[in-house]
C-alpha atoms as a PDB file:
ATOM      1  CA  MET A   1      -0.006  -0.045   0.055  1.00  0.00           C
ATOM      2  CA  THR A   2       2.770   2.429   1.012  1.00  0.00           C
ATOM      3  CA  ASP A   3       4.614   1.710  -2.196  1.00  0.00           C
ATOM      4  CA  ASN A   4       1.409   2.719  -4.208  1.00  0.00           C
ATOM      5  CA  VAL A   5       1.175   5.972  -2.512  1.00  0.00           C
ATOM      6  CA  ILE A   6       4.799   6.814  -3.145  1.00  0.00           C
ATOM      7  CA  ASN A   7       4.475   5.783  -6.727  1.00  0.00           C
ATOM      8  CA  ILE A   8       1.299   8.034  -7.156  1.00  0.00           C
ATOM      9  CA  LEU A   9       3.065  11.010  -5.383  1.00  0.00           C
ATOM     10  CA  SER A  10       6.256  10.605  -7.486  1.00  0.00           C
ATOM     11  CA  VAL A  11       4.164  10.571 -10.750  1.00  0.00           C
ATOM     12  CA  PHE A  12       2.069  13.613  -9.369  1.00  0.00           C
ATOM     13  CA  PHE A  13       5.243  15.666  -8.691  1.00  0.00           C
ATOM     14  CA  THR A  14       6.766  14.609 -11.953  1.00  0.00           C
ATOM     15  CA  ILE A  15       3.824  15.815 -13.909  1.00  0.00           C
ATOM     16  CA  ASN A  16       3.095  18.748 -11.649  1.00  0.00           C
ATOM     17  CA  PRO A  17       6.309  20.031 -10.018  1.00  0.00           C
ATOM     18  CA  PRO A  18       5.886  22.468  -7.208  1.00  0.00           C
ATOM     19  CA  SER A  19       5.774  26.097  -8.433  1.00  0.00           C
ATOM     20  CA  VAL A  20       8.686  28.224  -7.368  1.00  0.00           C
ATOM     21  CA  ARG A  21       7.749  31.709  -6.108  1.00  0.00           C
ATOM     22  CA  ILE A  22      10.266  34.435  -6.482  1.00  0.00           C
ATOM     23  CA  PHE A  23       9.733  37.434  -4.113  1.00  0.00           C
ATOM     24  CA  LYS A  24      11.150  40.739  -4.968  1.00  0.00           C
ATOM     25  CA  SER A  25      12.840  42.734  -2.418  1.00  0.00           C
ATOM     26  CA  VAL A  26      10.830  45.739  -0.909  1.00  0.00           C
ATOM     27  CA  ASP A  27      12.511  49.104  -0.259  1.00  0.00           C
ATOM     28  CA  VAL A  28      12.028  49.713   3.458  1.00  0.00           C
ATOM     29  CA  PRO A  29      12.324  53.366   4.396  1.00  0.00           C
ATOM     30  CA  ALA A  30      15.043  54.185   6.801  1.00  0.00           C
ATOM     31  CA  THR A  31      12.473  55.327   9.294  1.00  0.00           C
ATOM     32  CA  PRO A  32       9.397  53.229   9.595  1.00  0.00           C
ATOM     33  CA  LEU A  33       6.037  54.836   8.706  1.00  0.00           C
ATOM     34  CA  GLU A  34       3.538  55.021  11.484  1.00  0.00           C
ATOM     35  CA  VAL A  35       0.316  53.851   9.922  1.00  0.00           C
ATOM     36  CA  ILE A  36      -1.892  53.776  13.032  1.00  0.00           C
ATOM     37  CA  SER A  37      -1.394  56.083  15.957  1.00  0.00           C
ATOM     38  CA  ILE A  38      -3.572  55.963  19.188  1.00  0.00           C
ATOM     39  CA  ARG A  39      -2.738  58.207  21.935  1.00  0.00           C
ATOM     40  CA  HIS A  40      -4.647  58.258  25.333  1.00  0.00           C
ATOM     41  CA  LEU A  41      -7.776  56.919  23.701  1.00  0.00           C
ATOM     42  CA  TRP A  42     -11.010  56.714  25.781  1.00  0.00           C
ATOM     43  CA  ALA A  43     -14.111  55.277  23.882  1.00  0.00           C
ATOM     44  CA  GLY A  44     -17.409  53.823  24.777  1.00  0.00           C
ATOM     45  CA  TYR A  45     -21.180  54.220  24.659  1.00  0.00           C
ATOM     46  CA  ASN A  46     -23.670  56.404  26.458  1.00  0.00           C
ATOM     47  CA  GLN A  47     -20.755  58.238  28.380  1.00  0.00           C
ATOM     48  CA  GLU A  48     -19.731  54.979  29.736  1.00  0.00           C
ATOM     49  CA  PRO A  49     -16.174  54.237  28.720  1.00  0.00           C
ATOM     50  CA  VAL A  50     -15.272  50.731  27.417  1.00  0.00           C
ATOM     51  CA  LEU A  51     -11.673  51.647  26.367  1.00  0.00           C
ATOM     52  CA  GLU A  52      -9.581  53.667  28.838  1.00  0.00           C
ATOM     53  CA  ASP A  53      -6.292  55.333  28.057  1.00  0.00           C
ATOM     54  CA  ILE A  54      -5.353  53.027  25.231  1.00  0.00           C
ATOM     55  CA  ASN A  55      -2.011  53.796  23.411  1.00  0.00           C
ATOM     56  CA  LEU A  56      -0.928  51.950  20.252  1.00  0.00           C
ATOM     57  CA  SER A  57       1.625  52.489  17.401  1.00  0.00           C
ATOM     58  CA  VAL A  58       1.415  50.287  14.319  1.00  0.00           C
ATOM     59  CA  GLN A  59       4.189  50.828  11.792  1.00  0.00           C
ATOM     60  CA  ASP A  60       4.240  49.761   8.045  1.00  0.00           C
ATOM     61  CA  LEU A  61       5.126  46.070   7.623  1.00  0.00           C
ATOM     62  CA  ASP A  62       3.989  45.319  11.093  1.00  0.00           C
ATOM     63  CA  PHE A  63       1.668  42.220  11.691  1.00  0.00           C
ATOM     64  CA  ILE A  64      -0.679  42.509  14.646  1.00  0.00           C
ATOM     65  CA  GLY A  65      -3.457  40.469  16.163  1.00  0.00           C
ATOM     66  CA  LEU A  66      -6.208  41.606  18.546  1.00  0.00           C
ATOM     67  CA  ILE A  67      -7.558  39.010  20.919  1.00  0.00           C
ATOM     68  CA  GLY A  68      -9.549  39.211  24.102  1.00  0.00           C
ATOM     69  CA  PRO A  69     -12.595  37.872  25.813  1.00  0.00           C
ATOM     70  CA  ASN A  70     -16.120  38.948  24.887  1.00  0.00           C
ATOM     71  CA  GLY A  71     -16.936  42.391  25.912  1.00  0.00           C
ATOM     72  CA  SER A  72     -13.257  43.471  26.332  1.00  0.00           C
ATOM     73  CA  GLY A  73     -13.561  46.275  23.641  1.00  0.00           C
ATOM     74  CA  LYS A  74     -12.067  44.686  20.345  1.00  0.00           C
ATOM     75  CA  THR A  75     -15.143  45.815  18.355  1.00  0.00           C
ATOM     76  CA  THR A  76     -15.218  49.244  19.899  1.00  0.00           C
ATOM     77  CA  LEU A  77     -11.641  49.855  19.061  1.00  0.00           C
ATOM     78  CA  PHE A  78     -12.303  48.812  15.446  1.00  0.00           C
ATOM     79  CA  LYS A  79     -15.353  51.184  15.283  1.00  0.00           C
ATOM     80  CA  VAL A  80     -13.038  54.039  16.448  1.00  0.00           C
ATOM     81  CA  LEU A  81     -10.449  53.202  14.002  1.00  0.00           C
ATOM     82  CA  LEU A  82     -13.115  53.144  11.153  1.00  0.00           C
ATOM     83  CA  GLY A  83     -14.494  56.436  12.247  1.00  0.00           C
ATOM     84  CA  LEU A  84     -17.910  54.943  13.182  1.00  0.00           C
ATOM     85  CA  LEU A  85     -17.609  55.864  16.914  1.00  0.00           C
ATOM     86  CA  PRO A  86     -15.955  59.037  17.928  1.00  0.00           C
ATOM     87  CA  PRO A  87     -13.380  58.959  20.833  1.00  0.00           C
ATOM     88  CA  MET A  88     -14.444  60.465  24.162  1.00  0.00           C
ATOM     89  CA  ARG A  89     -10.864  61.574  24.744  1.00  0.00           C
ATOM     90  CA  GLY A  90      -7.562  61.052  23.038  1.00  0.00           C
ATOM     91  CA  GLU A  91      -6.262  61.063  19.491  1.00  0.00           C
ATOM     92  CA  VAL A  92      -6.547  58.354  16.744  1.00  0.00           C
ATOM     93  CA  LEU A  93      -4.633  58.844  13.410  1.00  0.00           C
ATOM     94  CA  ILE A  94      -4.550  56.644  10.326  1.00  0.00           C
ATOM     95  CA  MET A  95      -1.794  57.487   8.002  1.00  0.00           C
ATOM     96  CA  GLY A  96      -1.475  60.835   9.670  1.00  0.00           C
ATOM     97  CA  GLN A  97      -5.248  61.633   9.453  1.00  0.00           C
ATOM     98  CA  ARG A  98      -8.283  61.398  11.715  1.00  0.00           C
ATOM     99  CA  PRO A  99     -10.573  58.387  10.744  1.00  0.00           C
ATOM    100  CA  GLN A 100     -13.436  60.784   9.814  1.00  0.00           C
ATOM    101  CA  GLN A 101     -11.217  62.312   7.173  1.00  0.00           C
ATOM    102  CA  GLY A 102     -10.069  59.212   5.438  1.00  0.00           C
END
């Protein structure tokens, strides 16, 4: 049985060799560009803060993940970043502009 699988795989890769991907180098600026800037953000609903004094800086080429339990403010943060919810206090900039301007 194993010999049959090996033969099938060798025939498959002979007919369909794995594709080779060539990645071009990317010019990275000497100083990273700040794409998201959050300074002392307070946000919430009905004058009740959900996010309190949040600070975050995301630079180009950064990979981030946002995890947390239900009700911890993940969706609220995204609403502020998208300009759907105005901050109570603090500053949010996307590529140097306020979300409402973008």
